[in-house]
Amino acid sequence: MTMSHFFKNIFFVIANLFHRGLGDRASILMYHSIDTNEAFFSVTKKSFEQQIEYLVSQKVVFLRLPELIRRICAHESVAGCVCVTFDDGYKDNYMNAYPILKKFNIPSAIFLTTGTIGGALSLKSGISLPMLSLGEIREMRDSGLVEFFPHSVTHVKYNKDNLEKCVNEAHVSKQYVEQLFGEPVLVYAYPSGRLDSFFIEAVKKDGYIAAVTVEEGLVRLGDNLFTLKRNPVDSLTTMVQFKGKVSRSIITYLWLKNILK
């Protein structure tokens, strides 16, 4: 554990004493792989189950992501609500996360990198992780617990040199998921959370009504639907930090982090 990670833990131990619950806000959690591997964004199956058990014990309101978006649009309360999301579409979402979601009857959303379905995704670290198959995707969706949305075709990172490619992948991945399930797809996840006003406008024009980022924080009424914050949960997220991500502690943490920049 690094020194900064140690002090982050200490902060949340103290902050969590004063901030219990989400108040009038909601937390969108962002997972990737649920497995024991060397990817930094992975969470072990044991830790994932402990985190879900904690949320259940706190009696949070688990919402489907489209329902959270509907409530924001309708100016209805999102107080104490949590959405569980996964990025990329790793096979371990089916092998390890799905049984836990079924056990506790927790709805979730998986953002698919559509060009990797049935294959593998190679990370910069050299790790190659297997991805969901079409059969696994259909089984999870048919359960009524898991919804699927686009996350580009190849997980291309948005920058000034590949604007057209990124916009095209947002469109093509949307078409793919819509054809797969035979219904409109309205939510997008920006690959690596990279975006600007140009990309936001392109996503809007493509028929999406909302999009999620990787920026930490809570969601409240009045938020921009195309820059919805999510709280990442990864291999470095301790239980005390996790509790902070589903309470108003995260607001204080981000305020302090900004002050200390």
Protein backbone atom coordinates (compact mmCIF):
# COMPACT_ATOMS: atom_id res chain seq x y z
CA MET A 1 0.00 0.00 0.00
CA THR A 2 1.46 3.36 -1.03
CA MET A 3 1.56 6.31 1.36
CA SER A 4 -1.12 8.18 -0.63
CA HIS A 5 -3.33 5.09 -0.56
CA PHE A 6 -2.79 4.82 3.19
CA PHE A 7 -3.88 8.42 3.78
CA LYS A 8 -6.85 7.93 1.46
CA ASN A 9 -7.98 5.08 3.68
CA ILE A 10 -7.55 7.19 6.80
CA PHE A 11 -9.58 9.99 5.22
CA PHE A 12 -12.51 7.69 4.46
CA VAL A 13 -12.38 6.07 7.90
CA ILE A 14 -12.95 9.53 9.41
CA ALA A 15 -15.31 10.90 6.74
CA ASN A 16 -17.54 7.84 6.89
CA LEU A 17 -18.19 8.57 10.57
CA PHE A 18 -19.84 11.85 9.61
CA HIS A 19 -21.41 11.00 6.25
CA ARG A 20 -23.84 8.13 6.39
CA GLY A 21 -25.79 7.43 3.26
CA LEU A 22 -26.18 9.27 -0.03
CA GLY A 23 -28.64 11.92 1.07
CA ASP A 24 -30.53 13.22 -1.96
CA ARG A 25 -28.05 11.74 -4.44
CA ALA A 26 -27.30 8.48 -6.21
CA SER A 27 -24.09 6.58 -6.90
CA ILE A 28 -23.33 4.81 -10.18
CA LEU A 29 -20.67 2.17 -9.56
CA MET A 30 -18.28 1.24 -12.35
CA TYR A 31 -16.72 -2.23 -12.41
CA HIS A 32 -14.71 -3.98 -15.10
CA SER A 33 -13.37 -7.48 -14.46
CA ILE A 34 -14.59 -9.58 -11.52
CA ASP A 35 -11.77 -12.09 -11.18
CA THR A 36 -8.35 -12.81 -9.73
CA ASN A 37 -5.94 -11.51 -12.35
CA GLU A 38 -3.25 -8.85 -12.67
CA ALA A 39 -5.41 -6.18 -14.27
CA PHE A 40 -5.53 -3.06 -12.08
CA PHE A 41 -9.28 -2.70 -12.60
CA SER A 42 -10.14 -6.21 -11.45
CA VAL A 43 -12.10 -6.94 -8.29
CA THR A 44 -12.05 -10.41 -6.79
CA LYS A 45 -15.28 -12.38 -6.64
CA LYS A 46 -15.03 -12.40 -2.83
CA SER A 47 -14.66 -8.60 -2.65
CA PHE A 48 -17.50 -8.05 -5.11
CA GLU A 49 -19.85 -10.19 -3.04
CA GLN A 50 -18.83 -8.36 0.15
CA GLN A 51 -19.54 -5.03 -1.53
CA ILE A 52 -22.97 -6.16 -2.74
CA GLU A 53 -23.76 -7.58 0.70
CA TYR A 54 -22.85 -4.23 2.24
CA LEU A 55 -25.17 -2.35 -0.12
CA VAL A 56 -27.99 -4.78 0.64
CA SER A 57 -27.41 -4.32 4.38
CA GLN A 58 -27.65 -0.55 3.95
CA LYS A 59 -31.00 -0.96 2.20
CA VAL A 60 -29.98 1.16 -0.78
CA VAL A 61 -32.42 1.33 -3.67
CA PHE A 62 -30.92 -0.59 -6.61
CA LEU A 63 -32.00 1.03 -9.86
CA ARG A 64 -31.60 0.09 -13.47
CA LEU A 65 -29.57 2.77 -15.21
CA PRO A 66 -32.43 3.78 -17.57
CA GLU A 67 -34.70 4.21 -14.54
CA LEU A 68 -32.16 6.53 -12.89
CA ILE A 69 -32.02 8.56 -16.09
CA ARG A 70 -35.83 8.65 -16.29
CA ARG A 71 -36.03 9.93 -12.72
CA ILE A 72 -33.52 12.69 -13.43
CA CYS A 73 -35.50 13.73 -16.53
CA ALA A 74 -38.77 13.67 -14.57
CA HIS A 75 -37.25 15.47 -11.56
CA GLU A 76 -38.15 12.53 -9.33
CA SER A 77 -36.09 11.62 -6.29
CA VAL A 78 -32.85 9.64 -6.75
CA ALA A 79 -32.09 9.73 -3.02
CA GLY A 80 -30.17 6.70 -1.77
CA CYS A 81 -30.13 4.96 -5.15
CA VAL A 82 -27.28 2.85 -6.55
CA CYS A 83 -26.70 1.61 -10.11
CA VAL A 84 -24.23 -1.22 -10.78
CA THR A 85 -22.43 -1.03 -14.13
CA PHE A 86 -19.61 -2.93 -15.83
CA ASP A 87 -17.44 -1.76 -18.71
CA ASP A 88 -16.08 -3.71 -21.71
CA GLY A 89 -17.91 -7.03 -21.28
CA TYR A 90 -15.47 -9.52 -19.78
CA LYS A 91 -16.41 -13.20 -19.61
CA ASP A 92 -15.88 -13.14 -15.85
CA ASN A 93 -18.91 -10.84 -15.59
CA TYR A 94 -20.90 -13.94 -16.52
CA MET A 95 -18.79 -16.48 -14.62
CA ASN A 96 -18.31 -14.57 -11.36
CA ALA A 97 -20.50 -11.45 -11.11
CA TYR A 98 -23.72 -12.80 -12.62
CA PRO A 99 -24.28 -15.54 -9.98
CA ILE A 100 -23.93 -12.93 -7.24
CA LEU A 101 -26.30 -10.54 -9.00
CA LYS A 102 -28.83 -13.38 -9.26
CA LYS A 103 -28.32 -14.36 -5.62
CA PHE A 104 -29.26 -10.88 -4.42
CA ASN A 105 -31.57 -10.00 -7.33
CA ILE A 106 -29.50 -6.93 -8.28
CA PRO A 107 -30.09 -5.25 -11.66
CA SER A 108 -27.04 -4.11 -13.58
CA ALA A 109 -25.81 -2.76 -16.90
CA ILE A 110 -22.88 -3.96 -19.01
CA PHE A 111 -21.34 -1.65 -21.60
CA LEU A 112 -20.07 -3.82 -24.45
CA THR A 113 -17.00 -3.27 -26.58
CA THR A 114 -18.87 -4.87 -29.44
CA GLY A 115 -15.90 -5.78 -31.63
CA THR A 116 -14.45 -8.06 -28.95
CA ILE A 117 -17.56 -10.18 -28.27
CA GLY A 118 -16.59 -13.84 -28.28
CA GLY A 119 -12.91 -12.97 -28.40
CA ALA A 120 -10.38 -11.38 -26.07
CA LEU A 121 -9.25 -7.89 -25.13
CA SER A 122 -5.53 -7.23 -24.83
CA LEU A 123 -4.47 -4.64 -22.27
CA LYS A 124 -1.41 -2.40 -22.39
CA SER A 125 0.04 -4.42 -19.51
CA GLY A 126 0.19 -7.46 -21.79
CA ILE A 127 -2.73 -9.24 -20.14
CA SER A 128 -5.36 -10.71 -22.47
CA LEU A 129 -8.81 -11.23 -20.97
CA PRO A 130 -11.59 -13.35 -22.56
CA MET A 131 -14.80 -11.54 -23.41
CA LEU A 132 -18.47 -12.47 -23.19
CA SER A 133 -19.95 -14.68 -25.89
CA LEU A 134 -23.26 -13.93 -27.59
CA GLY A 135 -24.84 -16.87 -25.76
CA GLU A 136 -23.77 -15.53 -22.37
CA ILE A 137 -25.01 -12.05 -23.26
CA ARG A 138 -28.39 -13.38 -24.31
CA GLU A 139 -28.71 -15.57 -21.19
CA MET A 140 -28.00 -12.65 -18.87
CA ARG A 141 -30.36 -10.34 -20.71
CA ASP A 142 -33.13 -12.95 -20.77
CA SER A 143 -32.89 -13.16 -16.97
CA GLY A 144 -34.27 -9.63 -16.78
CA LEU A 145 -31.44 -8.56 -14.45
CA VAL A 146 -28.74 -7.44 -16.88
CA GLU A 147 -29.06 -4.80 -19.59
CA PHE A 148 -26.52 -4.13 -22.32
CA PHE A 149 -25.38 -0.87 -23.86
CA PRO A 150 -22.61 0.21 -26.28
CA HIS A 151 -19.04 1.08 -25.31
CA SER A 152 -17.58 1.51 -28.81
CA VAL A 153 -16.35 -1.22 -31.16
CA THR A 154 -12.63 -1.42 -30.36
CA HIS A 155 -12.39 0.70 -27.17
CA VAL A 156 -10.66 3.43 -29.17
CA LYS A 157 -9.60 6.38 -26.98
CA TYR A 158 -10.97 9.74 -28.03
CA ASN A 159 -8.48 12.43 -29.05
CA LYS A 160 -8.12 15.11 -31.68
CA ASP A 161 -6.45 12.72 -34.12
CA ASN A 162 -9.27 10.18 -34.30
CA LEU A 163 -12.48 12.16 -33.91
CA GLU A 164 -14.19 10.53 -36.89
CA LYS A 165 -13.28 7.00 -35.78
CA CYS A 166 -14.62 7.54 -32.27
CA VAL A 167 -17.88 9.05 -33.49
CA ASN A 168 -18.28 6.21 -35.99
CA GLU A 169 -17.67 3.56 -33.31
CA ALA A 170 -20.29 5.13 -31.08
CA HIS A 171 -22.72 4.83 -33.99
CA VAL A 172 -21.74 1.32 -35.14
CA SER A 173 -21.77 -0.16 -31.64
CA LYS A 174 -25.22 1.38 -31.08
CA GLN A 175 -26.51 -0.24 -34.27
CA TYR A 176 -25.03 -3.59 -33.26
CA VAL A 177 -26.68 -3.70 -29.83
CA GLU A 178 -29.98 -2.48 -31.26
CA GLN A 179 -29.96 -5.21 -33.90
CA LEU A 180 -28.97 -7.79 -31.29
CA PHE A 181 -31.99 -7.06 -29.07
CA GLY A 182 -34.42 -5.46 -31.51
CA GLU A 183 -35.00 -2.27 -29.55
CA PRO A 184 -33.54 1.25 -29.28
CA VAL A 185 -30.35 1.73 -27.27
CA LEU A 186 -30.20 5.08 -25.51
CA VAL A 187 -27.15 5.11 -23.21
CA TYR A 188 -23.44 5.22 -24.11
CA ALA A 189 -20.23 4.82 -22.11
CA TYR A 190 -17.32 6.90 -23.38
CA PRO A 191 -14.22 4.67 -23.81
CA SER A 192 -11.77 5.54 -21.01
CA GLY A 193 -14.14 8.38 -20.17
CA ARG A 194 -12.58 10.69 -22.75
CA LEU A 195 -14.92 13.32 -24.16
CA ASP A 196 -15.37 16.94 -25.10
CA SER A 197 -18.22 19.11 -26.34
CA PHE A 198 -17.77 17.87 -29.92
CA PHE A 199 -18.06 14.21 -28.91
CA ILE A 200 -21.04 14.93 -26.66
CA GLU A 201 -22.90 16.64 -29.52
CA ALA A 202 -22.10 13.74 -31.85
CA VAL A 203 -23.48 11.25 -29.34
CA LYS A 204 -26.63 13.35 -28.93
CA LYS A 205 -27.16 13.54 -32.70
CA ASP A 206 -26.84 9.75 -32.90
CA GLY A 207 -29.97 9.34 -30.79
CA TYR A 208 -28.51 8.64 -27.37
CA ILE A 209 -30.31 10.33 -24.48
CA ALA A 210 -27.51 9.93 -21.91
CA ALA A 211 -23.89 8.87 -21.47
CA VAL A 212 -21.67 7.90 -18.56
CA THR A 213 -18.11 8.95 -17.78
CA VAL A 214 -15.37 7.70 -15.46
CA GLU A 215 -15.38 10.89 -13.39
CA GLU A 216 -15.92 10.21 -9.70
CA GLY A 217 -18.83 11.69 -7.84
CA LEU A 218 -22.51 11.35 -7.09
CA VAL A 219 -25.50 11.95 -9.35
CA ARG A 220 -28.29 14.37 -8.51
CA LEU A 221 -31.29 15.99 -10.15
CA GLY A 222 -30.26 18.61 -12.68
CA ASP A 223 -27.06 16.86 -13.73
CA ASN A 224 -26.05 16.86 -17.40
CA LEU A 225 -27.28 13.50 -18.73
CA PHE A 226 -24.29 13.26 -21.10
CA THR A 227 -21.65 13.58 -18.38
CA LEU A 228 -23.03 11.32 -15.66
CA LYS A 229 -20.43 10.55 -13.02
CA ARG A 230 -19.49 7.02 -11.97
CA ASN A 231 -17.43 5.75 -9.06
CA PRO A 232 -14.78 3.23 -10.14
CA VAL A 233 -14.25 0.10 -8.07
CA ASP A 234 -10.96 -1.67 -8.74
CA SER A 235 -8.21 -3.78 -7.14
CA LEU A 236 -7.07 -0.86 -4.96
CA THR A 237 -10.54 -0.09 -3.58
CA THR A 238 -10.61 -1.10 0.08
CA MET A 239 -13.90 -1.70 1.86
CA VAL A 240 -13.65 1.61 3.71
CA GLN A 241 -13.13 3.40 0.38
CA PHE A 242 -16.03 1.51 -1.14
CA LYS A 243 -18.30 2.69 1.69
CA GLY A 244 -17.19 6.23 0.92
CA LYS A 245 -18.11 5.85 -2.75
CA VAL A 246 -21.70 5.07 -1.78
CA SER A 247 -22.04 7.94 0.68
CA ARG A 248 -21.56 11.70 0.72
CA SER A 249 -17.97 11.11 1.88
CA ILE A 250 -16.96 11.01 -1.77
CA ILE A 251 -18.10 14.63 -2.17
CA THR A 252 -15.83 15.79 0.65
CA TYR A 253 -12.97 13.66 -0.69
CA LEU A 254 -13.21 15.17 -4.18
CA TRP A 255 -13.45 18.69 -2.73
CA LEU A 256 -10.29 18.11 -0.67
CA LYS A 257 -8.50 16.46 -3.59
CA ASN A 258 -9.22 19.51 -5.75
CA ILE A 259 -8.00 21.89 -3.04
CA LEU A 260 -4.71 19.97 -2.68
CA LYS A 261 -3.95 19.90 -6.41
